[in-house]
N, C-alpha and C. Protein backbone atom coordinates (compact mmCIF):
# COMPACT_ATOMS: atom_id res chain seq x y z
N MET A 1 0.84 -1.18 -0.12
CA MET A 1 0.12 -0.08 0.08
C MET A 1 0.84 1.10 0.33
N ALA A 2 0.51 2.14 -0.90
CA ALA A 2 1.09 3.24 -0.92
C ALA A 2 1.23 4.28 0.16
N ARG A 3 2.04 4.88 0.53
CA ARG A 3 2.10 6.09 1.69
C ARG A 3 1.41 7.35 1.05
N ARG A 4 0.66 7.78 2.16
CA ARG A 4 -0.10 9.15 1.67
C ARG A 4 0.30 9.96 2.08
N GLY A 5 -0.11 11.48 1.61
CA GLY A 5 0.52 12.76 2.27
C GLY A 5 1.91 13.13 1.45
N ARG A 6 2.00 14.19 2.08
CA ARG A 6 3.37 14.88 1.30
C ARG A 6 4.58 14.05 1.67
N LYS A 7 5.16 14.30 0.80
CA LYS A 7 7.11 13.66 1.06
C LYS A 7 7.52 14.29 1.98
N ARG A 8 8.23 13.22 2.76
CA ARG A 8 9.10 14.20 3.92
C ARG A 8 10.01 14.99 3.69
N ARG A 9 10.10 16.28 4.11
CA ARG A 9 11.24 17.01 3.61
C ARG A 9 12.28 17.15 4.86
N LEU A 10 13.11 16.00 4.55
CA LEU A 10 14.37 15.85 5.47
C LEU A 10 15.32 16.97 5.70
N GLU A 11 15.60 17.60 4.83
CA GLU A 11 16.20 19.04 5.09
C GLU A 11 15.59 19.96 6.10
N LEU A 12 14.18 20.10 6.19
CA LEU A 12 13.55 20.73 7.10
C LEU A 12 13.61 20.10 8.61
N GLU A 13 13.54 18.97 8.26
CA GLU A 13 13.35 17.93 9.79
C GLU A 13 14.68 18.34 10.25
N ALA A 14 15.94 18.09 9.73
CA ALA A 14 17.27 17.89 10.02
C ALA A 14 17.27 19.50 10.91
N GLU A 15 17.05 20.47 9.96
CA GLU A 15 16.84 21.89 10.78
C GLU A 15 16.39 21.85 12.01
N HIS A 16 15.12 21.32 12.05
CA HIS A 16 14.18 21.31 13.13
C HIS A 16 15.11 20.98 14.29
N TRP A 17 15.51 19.26 14.11
CA TRP A 17 16.25 19.16 15.04
C TRP A 17 17.46 20.10 15.56
N ARG A 18 18.21 20.72 14.66
CA ARG A 18 19.02 21.53 15.05
C ARG A 18 19.04 22.49 15.83
N LEU A 19 17.80 23.27 15.31
CA LEU A 19 16.85 24.34 16.27
C LEU A 19 16.92 24.01 17.90
N LEU A 20 16.29 22.49 17.92
CA LEU A 20 15.92 22.59 19.13
C LEU A 20 17.09 22.27 19.89
N ALA A 21 18.15 21.39 19.45
CA ALA A 21 19.51 21.28 20.34
C ALA A 21 20.00 22.46 20.29
N ALA A 22 20.03 23.62 20.06
CA ALA A 22 20.59 24.83 20.25
C ALA A 22 19.42 25.35 21.47
N GLY A 23 18.51 24.99 22.05
CA GLY A 23 17.59 25.41 22.98
C GLY A 23 16.37 26.29 22.27
N VAL A 24 16.10 26.26 21.05
CA VAL A 24 14.68 26.90 20.61
C VAL A 24 13.82 25.96 20.80
N GLY A 25 12.69 26.37 21.37
CA GLY A 25 11.34 25.80 21.78
C GLY A 25 10.82 25.36 20.28
N THR A 26 9.85 24.24 20.37
CA THR A 26 9.56 23.46 19.07
C THR A 26 8.49 24.47 18.42
N VAL A 27 7.60 25.34 18.96
CA VAL A 27 6.83 26.29 18.42
C VAL A 27 7.60 27.19 17.69
N ASP A 28 8.51 27.83 18.34
CA ASP A 28 9.45 29.15 17.63
C ASP A 28 10.41 28.28 16.58
N ALA A 29 10.88 27.08 16.74
CA ALA A 29 11.66 26.42 15.47
C ALA A 29 10.62 26.32 14.34
N CYS A 30 9.29 26.15 14.58
CA CYS A 30 8.60 26.05 13.53
C CYS A 30 8.29 26.72 12.76
N LYS A 31 7.88 27.91 13.81
CA LYS A 31 7.64 29.41 13.06
C LYS A 31 8.81 30.00 12.26
N GLN A 32 10.34 29.72 12.48
CA GLN A 32 11.41 30.30 11.99
C GLN A 32 11.59 29.12 10.74
N LEU A 33 11.12 27.92 10.54
CA LEU A 33 11.30 26.89 9.70
C LEU A 33 9.91 27.03 8.44
N GLY A 34 8.77 27.75 9.00
CA GLY A 34 7.48 27.98 7.91
C GLY A 34 6.94 26.62 7.96
N ILE A 35 6.65 25.81 9.08
CA ILE A 35 6.22 24.60 9.19
C ILE A 35 5.03 24.89 10.35
N GLY A 36 4.05 23.76 10.45
CA GLY A 36 2.77 23.85 11.22
C GLY A 36 3.51 23.10 12.65
N ARG A 37 3.19 23.58 13.67
CA ARG A 37 3.47 23.33 14.97
C ARG A 37 3.29 21.77 15.22
N LYS A 38 1.95 21.50 14.91
CA LYS A 38 1.46 19.93 14.88
C LYS A 38 2.60 18.74 14.31
N THR A 39 3.25 19.56 12.93
CA THR A 39 4.09 18.68 12.39
C THR A 39 5.62 18.84 13.10
N GLY A 40 6.06 19.64 13.85
CA GLY A 40 7.07 19.69 14.73
C GLY A 40 6.76 18.77 15.99
N TYR A 41 5.58 18.91 16.66
CA TYR A 41 5.24 18.11 17.85
C TYR A 41 5.03 16.90 17.62
N ARG A 42 4.67 16.33 15.80
CA ARG A 42 4.37 14.83 15.64
C ARG A 42 6.04 14.73 15.47
N TRP A 43 6.97 15.08 14.70
CA TRP A 43 8.30 14.74 14.49
C TRP A 43 8.97 14.09 15.81
N ARG A 44 8.87 15.37 16.86
CA ARG A 44 9.16 14.94 18.23
C ARG A 44 8.80 13.52 18.74
N ALA A 45 7.31 13.42 18.29
CA ALA A 45 6.48 12.25 19.23
C ALA A 45 7.04 10.78 18.61
N GLU A 46 7.20 11.41 16.91
CA GLU A 46 7.68 9.74 16.08
C GLU A 46 8.94 9.31 16.79
N ASN A 47 9.81 10.44 17.45
CA ASN A 47 11.10 9.81 17.77
C ASN A 47 11.29 9.82 19.51
N GLY A 48 10.34 9.91 19.91
CA GLY A 48 10.32 9.80 21.56
C GLY A 48 11.06 11.07 21.96
N GLY A 49 10.90 11.96 21.32
CA GLY A 49 11.40 13.25 21.85
C GLY A 49 13.11 13.37 21.72
N LEU A 50 13.71 12.28 21.19
CA LEU A 50 15.37 12.28 21.14
C LEU A 50 15.46 12.18 19.49
N GLN A 51 16.62 13.13 19.26
CA GLN A 51 17.05 13.36 17.93
C GLN A 51 17.51 12.03 17.29
N PRO A 52 17.07 11.80 16.17
CA PRO A 52 16.84 10.54 15.45
C PRO A 52 18.50 10.39 14.95
N ASP A 53 19.10 9.10 14.89
CA ASP A 53 20.30 8.43 14.71
C ASP A 53 20.51 8.31 13.23
N TYR A 54 20.65 9.32 12.67
CA TYR A 54 21.23 9.39 11.08
C TYR A 54 22.09 10.28 10.91
N LEU A 55 23.13 10.15 9.70
CA LEU A 55 23.91 10.98 9.63
C LEU A 55 23.61 12.04 8.72
N PRO A 56 24.31 13.39 8.92
CA PRO A 56 24.48 14.41 8.34
C PRO A 56 24.33 13.96 6.73
N GLU A 57 23.67 14.74 5.68
CA GLU A 57 23.67 14.50 4.42
C GLU A 57 25.01 14.44 3.75
N GLY A 58 26.18 15.20 4.67
CA GLY A 58 27.20 15.25 3.90
C GLY A 58 28.38 14.55 4.06
N SER A 59 28.19 13.61 5.33
CA SER A 59 29.10 12.63 6.24
C SER A 59 28.84 11.34 5.56
N ARG A 60 27.76 10.99 5.10
CA ARG A 60 27.36 9.55 4.78
C ARG A 60 27.17 9.67 2.60
N SER A 61 27.60 8.43 2.26
CA SER A 61 27.32 8.01 0.83
C SER A 61 26.16 8.21 0.32
N GLY A 62 26.20 8.77 -0.60
CA GLY A 62 24.86 9.02 -1.33
C GLY A 62 24.01 7.50 -1.61
N ARG A 63 24.95 6.43 -1.79
CA ARG A 63 24.56 5.11 -1.90
C ARG A 63 23.32 4.66 -1.41
N TYR A 64 23.59 5.02 0.19
CA TYR A 64 22.58 4.30 1.13
C TYR A 64 21.88 5.20 1.75
N LEU A 65 20.46 4.71 2.14
CA LEU A 65 19.70 5.31 2.86
C LEU A 65 19.54 5.71 4.16
N SER A 66 19.51 6.76 4.48
CA SER A 66 19.54 7.34 6.21
C SER A 66 18.27 6.27 6.70
N LEU A 67 18.63 6.47 8.44
CA LEU A 67 17.55 5.48 9.15
C LEU A 67 16.14 6.20 8.59
N LEU A 68 16.50 7.65 8.60
CA LEU A 68 14.89 8.60 8.53
C LEU A 68 14.25 7.97 6.80
N GLU A 69 15.38 8.14 5.95
CA GLU A 69 14.70 8.08 4.75
C GLU A 69 14.12 6.46 4.77
N ARG A 70 14.32 5.76 5.52
CA ARG A 70 14.00 4.04 5.60
C ARG A 70 12.83 4.37 5.93
N ARG A 71 12.38 5.10 7.02
CA ARG A 71 11.04 4.82 7.67
C ARG A 71 10.18 5.18 6.55
């Protein structure tokens, strides 16, 4: 069965996690990125409130999918 909804924007999600790690709140991070508040909360809930364990785009080979892309 095909996935419904929008394609996941990995670069936005990675920036969201960088902002959270820098101490910015979820609502403020979402406003800065131009995404909905509920999206930010969903990303946090999907990962148990912890940043996912995937490598940044520049440090991994393009041949392999990141953990986030595999989901």
